[in-house]
Amino acid sequence: EDVQAAINENTQKVESVKNALFAEGLTDGDIKTTSYSLYSSSGTYQDSVFGSEKPVYNVDYYLDITLNDLSKLNLILDMVVNNGANNISGITYDSSERAAAYDQARDLAIDDGQAQAEKIAGKLGVTLDQVTSITVNDYNYTPYYGAAPVVFDQKSEDVGTPSMNPGLVDISVRVDLSYSYRL
């Protein structure tokens, strides 16, 4: 019910989460603030205990955490919840080798396009000349898992996360090539 108390409680929990992450070897570069908001709502909107005439102050502080050791994922999830986090809004997986894999996929797509164009030209009895246009469609995205936020209402010592499995990271590139040709 008190705006300063809400801010102070949120600050304490954020610092507790950050300190726990630092204790696991994460650095400032691994932890990024992505959103901060402070707003009020009627008490009945949040909790039937408060009367509707009293505002309830809400503080949201979102962190984007980069974890390079996936074997620590469940430990980190449990740890942030046990240190005050009450919302996990999504997990994404990516690769530190993405740029090199993307370049390789693009080059393979160009090679495949060239080979197919040569086959088609041979079938039609024409000779390929110059490439007249190239379009690269980048289907290179980071998959998003966990579309709905997970909100924890129970005491933190009762919280345990399900086992997470990153699977594979797909990188796709489509290249459209147009050629002029000679008869």
N, C-alpha and C. Protein backbone atom coordinates (compact mmCIF):
# COMPACT_ATOMS: atom_id res chain seq x y z
N GLU A 1 0.81 -1.20 0.00
CA GLU A 1 0.00 0.00 0.00
C GLU A 1 0.85 1.26 0.00
N ASP A 2 2.13 1.16 0.27
CA ASP A 2 3.02 2.32 0.35
C ASP A 2 3.99 2.26 -0.82
N VAL A 3 4.04 3.32 -1.62
CA VAL A 3 4.87 3.31 -2.81
C VAL A 3 6.35 3.12 -2.48
N GLN A 4 6.85 3.79 -1.45
CA GLN A 4 8.26 3.65 -1.11
C GLN A 4 8.56 2.23 -0.61
N ALA A 5 7.64 1.65 0.15
CA ALA A 5 7.83 0.27 0.62
C ALA A 5 7.88 -0.69 -0.57
N ALA A 6 7.04 -0.47 -1.56
CA ALA A 6 7.04 -1.32 -2.75
C ALA A 6 8.37 -1.22 -3.48
N ILE A 7 8.86 0.00 -3.66
CA ILE A 7 10.14 0.20 -4.33
C ILE A 7 11.27 -0.45 -3.53
N ASN A 8 11.27 -0.23 -2.21
CA ASN A 8 12.33 -0.80 -1.37
C ASN A 8 12.32 -2.32 -1.40
N GLU A 9 11.13 -2.94 -1.32
CA GLU A 9 11.05 -4.40 -1.36
C GLU A 9 11.55 -4.93 -2.70
N ASN A 10 11.15 -4.27 -3.77
CA ASN A 10 11.59 -4.71 -5.09
C ASN A 10 13.11 -4.57 -5.22
N THR A 11 13.65 -3.46 -4.76
CA THR A 11 15.10 -3.23 -4.83
C THR A 11 15.85 -4.30 -4.06
N GLN A 12 15.35 -4.64 -2.87
CA GLN A 12 16.01 -5.68 -2.07
C GLN A 12 16.00 -7.02 -2.80
N LYS A 13 14.87 -7.37 -3.41
CA LYS A 13 14.78 -8.65 -4.12
C LYS A 13 15.67 -8.66 -5.36
N VAL A 14 15.70 -7.57 -6.10
CA VAL A 14 16.56 -7.49 -7.29
C VAL A 14 18.02 -7.63 -6.89
N GLU A 15 18.43 -6.94 -5.84
CA GLU A 15 19.82 -7.04 -5.38
C GLU A 15 20.13 -8.46 -4.90
N SER A 16 19.19 -9.10 -4.24
CA SER A 16 19.38 -10.48 -3.78
C SER A 16 19.56 -11.42 -4.98
N VAL A 17 18.74 -11.24 -5.99
CA VAL A 17 18.86 -12.06 -7.21
C VAL A 17 20.21 -11.82 -7.87
N LYS A 18 20.58 -10.55 -8.05
CA LYS A 18 21.86 -10.24 -8.69
C LYS A 18 23.03 -10.81 -7.90
N ASN A 19 23.02 -10.65 -6.58
CA ASN A 19 24.11 -11.19 -5.77
C ASN A 19 24.22 -12.70 -5.88
N ALA A 20 23.08 -13.38 -5.94
CA ALA A 20 23.10 -14.84 -6.12
C ALA A 20 23.68 -15.20 -7.48
N LEU A 21 23.34 -14.44 -8.51
CA LEU A 21 23.90 -14.69 -9.84
C LEU A 21 25.41 -14.44 -9.86
N PHE A 22 25.84 -13.36 -9.22
CA PHE A 22 27.28 -13.09 -9.14
C PHE A 22 28.00 -14.21 -8.41
N ALA A 23 27.38 -14.77 -7.36
CA ALA A 23 27.98 -15.87 -6.61
C ALA A 23 28.16 -17.11 -7.47
N GLU A 24 27.35 -17.24 -8.53
CA GLU A 24 27.48 -18.38 -9.44
C GLU A 24 28.42 -18.08 -10.61
N GLY A 25 29.07 -16.92 -10.57
CA GLY A 25 30.07 -16.61 -11.57
C GLY A 25 29.58 -15.73 -12.72
N LEU A 26 28.32 -15.32 -12.70
CA LEU A 26 27.87 -14.42 -13.74
C LEU A 26 28.45 -13.03 -13.49
N THR A 27 28.56 -12.23 -14.53
CA THR A 27 29.13 -10.89 -14.42
C THR A 27 28.09 -9.84 -14.80
N ASP A 28 28.45 -8.57 -14.61
CA ASP A 28 27.55 -7.49 -15.02
C ASP A 28 27.18 -7.60 -16.49
N GLY A 29 28.11 -8.08 -17.32
CA GLY A 29 27.85 -8.25 -18.74
C GLY A 29 26.82 -9.33 -19.05
N ASP A 30 26.57 -10.23 -18.10
CA ASP A 30 25.59 -11.31 -18.28
C ASP A 30 24.20 -10.93 -17.81
N ILE A 31 24.09 -9.78 -17.15
CA ILE A 31 22.82 -9.38 -16.54
C ILE A 31 22.45 -7.99 -17.06
N LYS A 32 21.32 -7.89 -17.73
CA LYS A 32 20.91 -6.62 -18.32
C LYS A 32 19.49 -6.27 -17.85
N THR A 33 19.28 -5.05 -17.41
CA THR A 33 17.94 -4.59 -17.07
C THR A 33 17.21 -4.30 -18.38
N THR A 34 16.04 -4.93 -18.56
CA THR A 34 15.29 -4.73 -19.80
C THR A 34 14.02 -3.92 -19.59
N SER A 35 13.54 -3.83 -18.35
CA SER A 35 12.31 -3.08 -18.12
C SER A 35 12.19 -2.78 -16.63
N TYR A 36 11.62 -1.60 -16.35
CA TYR A 36 11.31 -1.21 -14.97
C TYR A 36 10.02 -0.42 -15.03
N SER A 37 9.07 -0.78 -14.19
CA SER A 37 7.83 -0.01 -14.15
C SER A 37 7.30 0.04 -12.73
N LEU A 38 6.63 1.15 -12.45
CA LEU A 38 5.97 1.38 -11.17
C LEU A 38 4.58 1.88 -11.50
N TYR A 39 3.57 1.20 -10.97
CA TYR A 39 2.20 1.63 -11.25
C TYR A 39 1.32 1.25 -10.07
N SER A 40 0.16 1.88 -10.01
CA SER A 40 -0.77 1.56 -8.93
C SER A 40 -2.06 1.02 -9.53
N SER A 41 -2.73 0.24 -8.74
CA SER A 41 -4.02 -0.30 -9.15
C SER A 41 -4.91 -0.37 -7.91
N SER A 42 -6.19 -0.54 -8.14
CA SER A 42 -7.08 -0.64 -6.98
C SER A 42 -6.76 -1.92 -6.23
N GLY A 43 -6.98 -1.90 -4.93
CA GLY A 43 -6.67 -3.06 -4.11
C GLY A 43 -7.41 -4.31 -4.53
N THR A 44 -8.65 -4.17 -4.96
CA THR A 44 -9.41 -5.35 -5.35
C THR A 44 -8.88 -5.98 -6.62
N TYR A 45 -8.20 -5.20 -7.42
CA TYR A 45 -7.62 -5.73 -8.66
C TYR A 45 -6.52 -6.74 -8.34
N GLN A 46 -5.71 -6.46 -7.32
CA GLN A 46 -4.59 -7.32 -6.97
C GLN A 46 -4.92 -8.33 -5.87
N ASP A 47 -5.69 -7.89 -4.88
CA ASP A 47 -5.87 -8.74 -3.72
C ASP A 47 -7.16 -8.32 -3.00
N SER A 48 -8.01 -9.27 -2.72
CA SER A 48 -9.28 -8.94 -2.09
C SER A 48 -9.12 -8.49 -0.63
N VAL A 49 -7.92 -8.60 -0.05
CA VAL A 49 -7.68 -8.19 1.32
C VAL A 49 -7.75 -6.66 1.45
N PHE A 50 -7.24 -5.95 0.43
CA PHE A 50 -7.24 -4.50 0.47
C PHE A 50 -8.59 -3.98 -0.01
N GLY A 51 -9.01 -2.88 0.55
CA GLY A 51 -10.24 -2.25 0.08
C GLY A 51 -10.01 -1.56 -1.25
N SER A 52 -11.06 -1.36 -1.99
CA SER A 52 -10.92 -0.76 -3.32
C SER A 52 -10.49 0.69 -3.25
N GLU A 53 -10.65 1.35 -2.10
CA GLU A 53 -10.27 2.75 -1.99
C GLU A 53 -8.77 2.93 -1.79
N LYS A 54 -8.05 1.86 -1.48
CA LYS A 54 -6.62 1.95 -1.24
C LYS A 54 -5.87 1.44 -2.48
N PRO A 55 -4.92 2.24 -2.98
CA PRO A 55 -4.15 1.75 -4.13
C PRO A 55 -3.13 0.69 -3.69
N VAL A 56 -2.83 -0.18 -4.59
CA VAL A 56 -1.76 -1.16 -4.40
C VAL A 56 -0.68 -0.79 -5.40
N TYR A 57 0.55 -0.63 -4.92
CA TYR A 57 1.65 -0.24 -5.80
C TYR A 57 2.38 -1.49 -6.27
N ASN A 58 2.64 -1.52 -7.55
CA ASN A 58 3.32 -2.65 -8.18
C ASN A 58 4.62 -2.16 -8.79
N VAL A 59 5.67 -2.92 -8.57
CA VAL A 59 6.97 -2.60 -9.15
C VAL A 59 7.41 -3.82 -9.95
N ASP A 60 7.68 -3.60 -11.22
CA ASP A 60 8.20 -4.66 -12.08
C ASP A 60 9.61 -4.30 -12.51
N TYR A 61 10.52 -5.23 -12.35
CA TYR A 61 11.92 -5.03 -12.72
C TYR A 61 12.34 -6.29 -13.45
N TYR A 62 12.59 -6.17 -14.74
CA TYR A 62 12.92 -7.35 -15.56
C TYR A 62 14.40 -7.37 -15.91
N LEU A 63 14.98 -8.54 -15.76
CA LEU A 63 16.37 -8.76 -16.11
C LEU A 63 16.45 -9.74 -17.28
N ASP A 64 17.40 -9.51 -18.14
CA ASP A 64 17.74 -10.46 -19.19
C ASP A 64 19.07 -11.07 -18.75
N ILE A 65 19.08 -12.37 -18.52
CA ILE A 65 20.26 -13.04 -18.00
C ILE A 65 20.83 -13.95 -19.07
N THR A 66 22.11 -13.79 -19.36
CA THR A 66 22.79 -14.65 -20.33
C THR A 66 23.59 -15.69 -19.56
N LEU A 67 23.29 -16.94 -19.83
CA LEU A 67 23.95 -18.05 -19.15
C LEU A 67 24.69 -18.87 -20.20
N ASN A 68 25.99 -18.93 -20.10
CA ASN A 68 26.78 -19.65 -21.09
C ASN A 68 26.99 -21.11 -20.75
N ASP A 69 26.71 -21.50 -19.53
CA ASP A 69 26.86 -22.89 -19.10
C ASP A 69 25.46 -23.45 -18.85
N LEU A 70 24.89 -24.13 -19.85
CA LEU A 70 23.53 -24.63 -19.74
C LEU A 70 23.35 -25.69 -18.66
N SER A 71 24.44 -26.28 -18.22
CA SER A 71 24.31 -27.26 -17.14
C SER A 71 23.86 -26.60 -15.84
N LYS A 72 23.98 -25.27 -15.76
CA LYS A 72 23.57 -24.53 -14.56
C LYS A 72 22.16 -23.95 -14.68
N LEU A 73 21.45 -24.23 -15.78
CA LEU A 73 20.17 -23.57 -16.02
C LEU A 73 19.17 -23.81 -14.89
N ASN A 74 18.92 -25.06 -14.53
CA ASN A 74 17.95 -25.33 -13.47
C ASN A 74 18.39 -24.74 -12.14
N LEU A 75 19.67 -24.81 -11.84
CA LEU A 75 20.20 -24.21 -10.62
C LEU A 75 19.92 -22.70 -10.60
N ILE A 76 20.18 -22.04 -11.71
CA ILE A 76 19.97 -20.58 -11.79
C ILE A 76 18.50 -20.25 -11.66
N LEU A 77 17.62 -21.00 -12.33
CA LEU A 77 16.19 -20.73 -12.22
C LEU A 77 15.71 -20.88 -10.78
N ASP A 78 16.10 -21.97 -10.13
CA ASP A 78 15.72 -22.17 -8.72
C ASP A 78 16.28 -21.05 -7.85
N MET A 79 17.51 -20.68 -8.11
CA MET A 79 18.19 -19.69 -7.29
C MET A 79 17.52 -18.32 -7.40
N VAL A 80 17.15 -17.89 -8.62
CA VAL A 80 16.54 -16.56 -8.74
C VAL A 80 15.17 -16.52 -8.07
N VAL A 81 14.42 -17.61 -8.17
CA VAL A 81 13.11 -17.66 -7.51
C VAL A 81 13.30 -17.67 -5.99
N ASN A 82 14.24 -18.45 -5.51
CA ASN A 82 14.48 -18.52 -4.07
C ASN A 82 15.07 -17.23 -3.49
N ASN A 83 15.52 -16.33 -4.37
CA ASN A 83 16.04 -15.04 -3.93
C ASN A 83 15.10 -13.89 -4.23
N GLY A 84 13.84 -14.21 -4.58
CA GLY A 84 12.85 -13.15 -4.69
C GLY A 84 12.17 -12.95 -6.03
N ALA A 85 12.68 -13.54 -7.11
CA ALA A 85 12.01 -13.39 -8.40
C ALA A 85 10.66 -14.08 -8.34
N ASN A 86 9.63 -13.46 -8.90
CA ASN A 86 8.31 -14.08 -8.88
C ASN A 86 7.68 -14.14 -10.26
N ASN A 87 8.50 -13.96 -11.30
CA ASN A 87 7.99 -14.03 -12.66
C ASN A 87 9.15 -14.41 -13.58
N ILE A 88 9.00 -15.50 -14.30
CA ILE A 88 9.97 -15.88 -15.33
C ILE A 88 9.20 -15.86 -16.64
N SER A 89 9.55 -14.93 -17.51
CA SER A 89 8.71 -14.70 -18.68
C SER A 89 9.20 -15.39 -19.94
N GLY A 90 10.28 -16.10 -19.91
CA GLY A 90 10.68 -16.82 -21.10
C GLY A 90 12.13 -17.21 -21.07
N ILE A 91 12.42 -18.23 -21.82
CA ILE A 91 13.79 -18.72 -21.95
C ILE A 91 14.06 -18.85 -23.44
N THR A 92 15.19 -18.31 -23.89
CA THR A 92 15.60 -18.48 -25.28
C THR A 92 16.95 -19.16 -25.30
N TYR A 93 17.18 -19.89 -26.36
CA TYR A 93 18.45 -20.57 -26.54
C TYR A 93 19.10 -20.05 -27.82
N ASP A 94 20.40 -19.88 -27.77
CA ASP A 94 21.13 -19.42 -28.93
C ASP A 94 22.52 -20.03 -28.89
N SER A 95 23.30 -19.74 -29.90
CA SER A 95 24.64 -20.29 -29.98
C SER A 95 25.66 -19.16 -30.14
N SER A 96 26.78 -19.31 -29.48
CA SER A 96 27.86 -18.34 -29.65
C SER A 96 28.49 -18.48 -31.03
N GLU A 97 28.17 -19.56 -31.74
CA GLU A 97 28.69 -19.81 -33.08
C GLU A 97 27.69 -19.40 -34.16
N ARG A 98 26.67 -18.64 -33.80
CA ARG A 98 25.61 -18.29 -34.75
C ARG A 98 26.14 -17.60 -36.01
N ALA A 99 26.99 -16.62 -35.88
CA ALA A 99 27.46 -15.85 -37.04
C ALA A 99 28.18 -16.75 -38.04
N ALA A 100 29.07 -17.60 -37.54
CA ALA A 100 29.81 -18.50 -38.44
C ALA A 100 28.86 -19.52 -39.08
N ALA A 101 27.92 -20.04 -38.31
CA ALA A 101 26.96 -21.01 -38.85
C ALA A 101 26.06 -20.35 -39.90
N TYR A 102 25.67 -19.10 -39.65
CA TYR A 102 24.85 -18.37 -40.62
C TYR A 102 25.61 -18.17 -41.93
N ASP A 103 26.87 -17.75 -41.83
CA ASP A 103 27.69 -17.57 -43.03
C ASP A 103 27.81 -18.87 -43.81
N GLN A 104 28.00 -19.97 -43.10
CA GLN A 104 28.12 -21.28 -43.74
C GLN A 104 26.80 -21.67 -44.41
N ALA A 105 25.69 -21.46 -43.73
CA ALA A 105 24.38 -21.79 -44.30
C ALA A 105 24.10 -20.95 -45.55
N ARG A 106 24.43 -19.66 -45.50
CA ARG A 106 24.23 -18.79 -46.67
C ARG A 106 25.08 -19.26 -47.84
N ASP A 107 26.35 -19.58 -47.58
CA ASP A 107 27.24 -20.04 -48.65
C ASP A 107 26.75 -21.36 -49.25
N LEU A 108 26.27 -22.26 -48.41
CA LEU A 108 25.73 -23.53 -48.92
C LEU A 108 24.48 -23.29 -49.76
N ALA A 109 23.64 -22.35 -49.34
CA ALA A 109 22.43 -22.02 -50.11
C ALA A 109 22.80 -21.43 -51.47
N ILE A 110 23.81 -20.57 -51.52
CA ILE A 110 24.26 -20.01 -52.79
C ILE A 110 24.82 -21.10 -53.69
N ASP A 111 25.65 -21.98 -53.13
CA ASP A 111 26.20 -23.10 -53.92
C ASP A 111 25.09 -23.98 -54.46
N ASP A 112 24.09 -24.28 -53.63
CA ASP A 112 22.97 -25.11 -54.06
C ASP A 112 22.17 -24.41 -55.16
N GLY A 113 21.93 -23.13 -54.99
CA GLY A 113 21.19 -22.36 -56.00
C GLY A 113 21.93 -22.34 -57.33
N GLN A 114 23.24 -22.16 -57.28
CA GLN A 114 24.07 -22.16 -58.49
C GLN A 114 23.99 -23.53 -59.18
N ALA A 115 24.12 -24.60 -58.40
CA ALA A 115 24.06 -25.96 -58.97
C ALA A 115 22.70 -26.24 -59.61
N GLN A 116 21.63 -25.83 -58.94
CA GLN A 116 20.29 -26.05 -59.50
C GLN A 116 20.07 -25.23 -60.76
N ALA A 117 20.57 -23.98 -60.76
CA ALA A 117 20.44 -23.14 -61.96
C ALA A 117 21.17 -23.76 -63.14
N GLU A 118 22.34 -24.32 -62.87
CA GLU A 118 23.10 -24.98 -63.95
C GLU A 118 22.36 -26.20 -64.48
N LYS A 119 21.74 -26.99 -63.62
CA LYS A 119 20.96 -28.15 -64.06
C LYS A 119 19.78 -27.72 -64.93
N ILE A 120 19.09 -26.69 -64.48
CA ILE A 120 17.93 -26.20 -65.23
C ILE A 120 18.38 -25.65 -66.58
N ALA A 121 19.48 -24.89 -66.59
CA ALA A 121 19.99 -24.36 -67.85
C ALA A 121 20.37 -25.48 -68.80
N GLY A 122 21.02 -26.53 -68.27
CA GLY A 122 21.38 -27.69 -69.10
C GLY A 122 20.15 -28.37 -69.68
N LYS A 123 19.13 -28.52 -68.88
CA LYS A 123 17.88 -29.15 -69.33
C LYS A 123 17.21 -28.33 -70.42
N LEU A 124 17.32 -27.00 -70.32
CA LEU A 124 16.70 -26.11 -71.31
C LEU A 124 17.61 -25.84 -72.49
N GLY A 125 18.85 -26.26 -72.43
CA GLY A 125 19.78 -26.04 -73.54
C GLY A 125 20.25 -24.61 -73.65
N VAL A 126 20.36 -23.93 -72.53
CA VAL A 126 20.86 -22.55 -72.52
C VAL A 126 22.11 -22.49 -71.66
N THR A 127 22.83 -21.38 -71.78
CA THR A 127 24.04 -21.19 -70.97
C THR A 127 23.80 -20.06 -70.00
N LEU A 128 24.12 -20.33 -68.74
CA LEU A 128 23.98 -19.27 -67.73
C LEU A 128 24.97 -18.16 -68.02
N ASP A 129 24.52 -16.93 -67.77
CA ASP A 129 25.39 -15.78 -67.95
C ASP A 129 25.64 -15.17 -66.58
N GLN A 130 25.24 -13.95 -66.36
CA GLN A 130 25.50 -13.26 -65.10
C GLN A 130 24.33 -13.42 -64.13
N VAL A 131 24.66 -13.32 -62.85
CA VAL A 131 23.61 -13.23 -61.83
C VAL A 131 23.02 -11.83 -61.94
N THR A 132 21.70 -11.74 -62.10
CA THR A 132 21.06 -10.43 -62.24
C THR A 132 20.45 -9.94 -60.93
N SER A 133 20.15 -10.85 -60.03
CA SER A 133 19.67 -10.43 -58.71
C SER A 133 19.89 -11.55 -57.70
N ILE A 134 20.08 -11.12 -56.48
CA ILE A 134 20.25 -12.05 -55.36
C ILE A 134 19.37 -11.54 -54.23
N THR A 135 18.58 -12.44 -53.67
CA THR A 135 17.78 -12.12 -52.50
C THR A 135 18.11 -13.13 -51.41
N VAL A 136 18.50 -12.64 -50.27
CA VAL A 136 18.80 -13.51 -49.14
C VAL A 136 17.69 -13.32 -48.11
N ASN A 137 16.94 -14.39 -47.85
CA ASN A 137 15.89 -14.35 -46.84
C ASN A 137 16.46 -14.94 -45.57
N ASP A 138 16.54 -14.11 -44.58
CA ASP A 138 17.15 -14.50 -43.31
C ASP A 138 16.07 -15.04 -42.39
N TYR A 139 16.04 -16.35 -42.25
CA TYR A 139 15.12 -16.98 -41.31
C TYR A 139 15.85 -17.22 -40.00
N ASN A 140 16.86 -16.41 -39.75
CA ASN A 140 17.73 -16.55 -38.61
C ASN A 140 17.09 -15.89 -37.40
N TYR A 141 16.47 -16.66 -36.55
CA TYR A 141 15.81 -16.13 -35.38
C TYR A 141 16.20 -16.96 -34.17
N THR A 142 16.01 -16.37 -33.03
CA THR A 142 16.25 -17.09 -31.78
C THR A 142 14.94 -17.68 -31.32
N PRO A 143 14.85 -19.00 -31.20
CA PRO A 143 13.58 -19.59 -30.76
C PRO A 143 13.21 -19.13 -29.35
N TYR A 144 11.95 -18.94 -29.13
CA TYR A 144 11.44 -18.48 -27.85
C TYR A 144 10.66 -19.61 -27.20
N TYR A 145 10.95 -19.88 -25.96
CA TYR A 145 10.26 -20.93 -25.24
C TYR A 145 9.59 -20.31 -24.02
N GLY A 146 8.43 -20.78 -23.68
CA GLY A 146 7.75 -20.29 -22.48
C GLY A 146 6.94 -19.06 -22.77
N ALA A 147 5.92 -19.17 -23.61
CA ALA A 147 5.14 -18.03 -24.04
C ALA A 147 4.41 -17.35 -22.90
N ALA A 148 4.02 -18.09 -21.90
CA ALA A 148 3.29 -17.49 -20.78
C ALA A 148 4.22 -17.32 -19.59
N PRO A 149 4.07 -16.21 -18.86
CA PRO A 149 4.92 -16.03 -17.68
C PRO A 149 4.60 -17.08 -16.62
N VAL A 150 5.61 -17.41 -15.86
CA VAL A 150 5.42 -18.28 -14.71
C VAL A 150 5.43 -17.38 -13.49
N VAL A 151 4.35 -17.34 -12.77
CA VAL A 151 4.24 -16.49 -11.58
C VAL A 151 4.15 -17.38 -10.36
N PHE A 152 4.98 -17.08 -9.36
CA PHE A 152 5.05 -17.91 -8.17
C PHE A 152 4.35 -17.23 -7.02
N ASP A 153 3.35 -17.89 -6.45
CA ASP A 153 2.64 -17.34 -5.32
C ASP A 153 3.06 -18.01 -4.01
N GLN A 154 3.60 -19.21 -4.08
CA GLN A 154 3.94 -19.92 -2.85
C GLN A 154 5.28 -19.44 -2.31
N LYS A 155 5.61 -19.87 -1.12
CA LYS A 155 6.87 -19.49 -0.51
C LYS A 155 8.02 -20.01 -1.36
N SER A 156 9.10 -19.25 -1.42
CA SER A 156 10.20 -19.58 -2.31
C SER A 156 10.82 -20.95 -2.01
N GLU A 157 10.80 -21.40 -0.76
CA GLU A 157 11.42 -22.69 -0.47
C GLU A 157 10.62 -23.86 -1.05
N ASP A 158 9.38 -23.59 -1.48
CA ASP A 158 8.54 -24.63 -2.07
C ASP A 158 8.69 -24.71 -3.59
N VAL A 159 9.47 -23.80 -4.18
CA VAL A 159 9.55 -23.69 -5.63
C VAL A 159 10.68 -24.54 -6.17
N GLY A 160 10.39 -25.29 -7.21
CA GLY A 160 11.40 -26.03 -7.95
C GLY A 160 11.04 -25.96 -9.42
N THR A 161 12.01 -25.76 -10.26
CA THR A 161 11.72 -25.62 -11.69
C THR A 161 11.74 -26.98 -12.36
N PRO A 162 10.98 -27.11 -13.45
CA PRO A 162 11.06 -28.34 -14.22
C PRO A 162 12.39 -28.40 -14.96
N SER A 163 12.79 -29.58 -15.34
CA SER A 163 14.04 -29.74 -16.07
C SER A 163 13.92 -29.10 -17.45
N MET A 164 14.90 -28.31 -17.84
CA MET A 164 14.90 -27.62 -19.13
C MET A 164 15.83 -28.34 -20.10
N ASN A 165 15.41 -28.44 -21.35
CA ASN A 165 16.21 -29.08 -22.39
C ASN A 165 16.33 -28.13 -23.57
N PRO A 166 17.54 -27.64 -23.87
CA PRO A 166 17.68 -26.65 -24.93
C PRO A 166 17.46 -27.19 -26.34
N GLY A 167 17.65 -28.48 -26.57
CA GLY A 167 17.49 -29.00 -27.93
C GLY A 167 18.54 -28.42 -28.85
N LEU A 168 18.21 -28.33 -30.14
CA LEU A 168 19.14 -27.82 -31.14
C LEU A 168 18.74 -26.40 -31.54
N VAL A 169 19.71 -25.62 -31.96
CA VAL A 169 19.45 -24.30 -32.49
C VAL A 169 19.52 -24.41 -34.01
N ASP A 170 18.42 -24.06 -34.69
CA ASP A 170 18.36 -24.13 -36.14
C ASP A 170 18.73 -22.78 -36.75
N ILE A 171 19.47 -22.85 -37.84
CA ILE A 171 19.81 -21.66 -38.60
C ILE A 171 19.44 -21.94 -40.04
N SER A 172 18.56 -21.12 -40.61
CA SER A 172 18.08 -21.33 -41.97
C SER A 172 18.28 -20.07 -42.79
N VAL A 173 18.69 -20.27 -44.03
CA VAL A 173 18.86 -19.16 -44.96
C VAL A 173 18.31 -19.61 -46.32
N ARG A 174 17.55 -18.74 -46.95
CA ARG A 174 17.07 -19.00 -48.31
C ARG A 174 17.68 -17.96 -49.22
N VAL A 175 18.26 -18.43 -50.33
CA VAL A 175 18.85 -17.52 -51.30
C VAL A 175 18.15 -17.73 -52.63
N ASP A 176 17.62 -16.65 -53.19
CA ASP A 176 17.02 -16.68 -54.52
C ASP A 176 17.98 -15.99 -55.48
N LEU A 177 18.36 -16.71 -56.52
CA LEU A 177 19.28 -16.18 -57.52
C LEU A 177 18.55 -16.07 -58.85
N SER A 178 18.76 -14.98 -59.55
CA SER A 178 18.23 -14.82 -60.91
C SER A 178 19.42 -14.64 -61.84
N TYR A 179 19.36 -15.32 -62.99
CA TYR A 179 20.45 -15.27 -63.95
C TYR A 179 19.95 -14.79 -65.30
N SER A 180 20.84 -14.14 -66.02
CA SER A 180 20.58 -13.96 -67.44
C SER A 180 21.17 -15.19 -68.13
N TYR A 181 20.74 -15.47 -69.32
CA TYR A 181 21.26 -16.65 -70.01
C TYR A 181 21.42 -16.35 -71.49
N ARG A 182 22.19 -17.23 -72.14
CA ARG A 182 22.42 -17.13 -73.58
C ARG A 182 21.89 -18.39 -74.24
N LEU A 183 21.32 -18.21 -75.40
CA LEU A 183 20.81 -19.36 -76.16
C LEU A 183 21.92 -20.05 -76.90
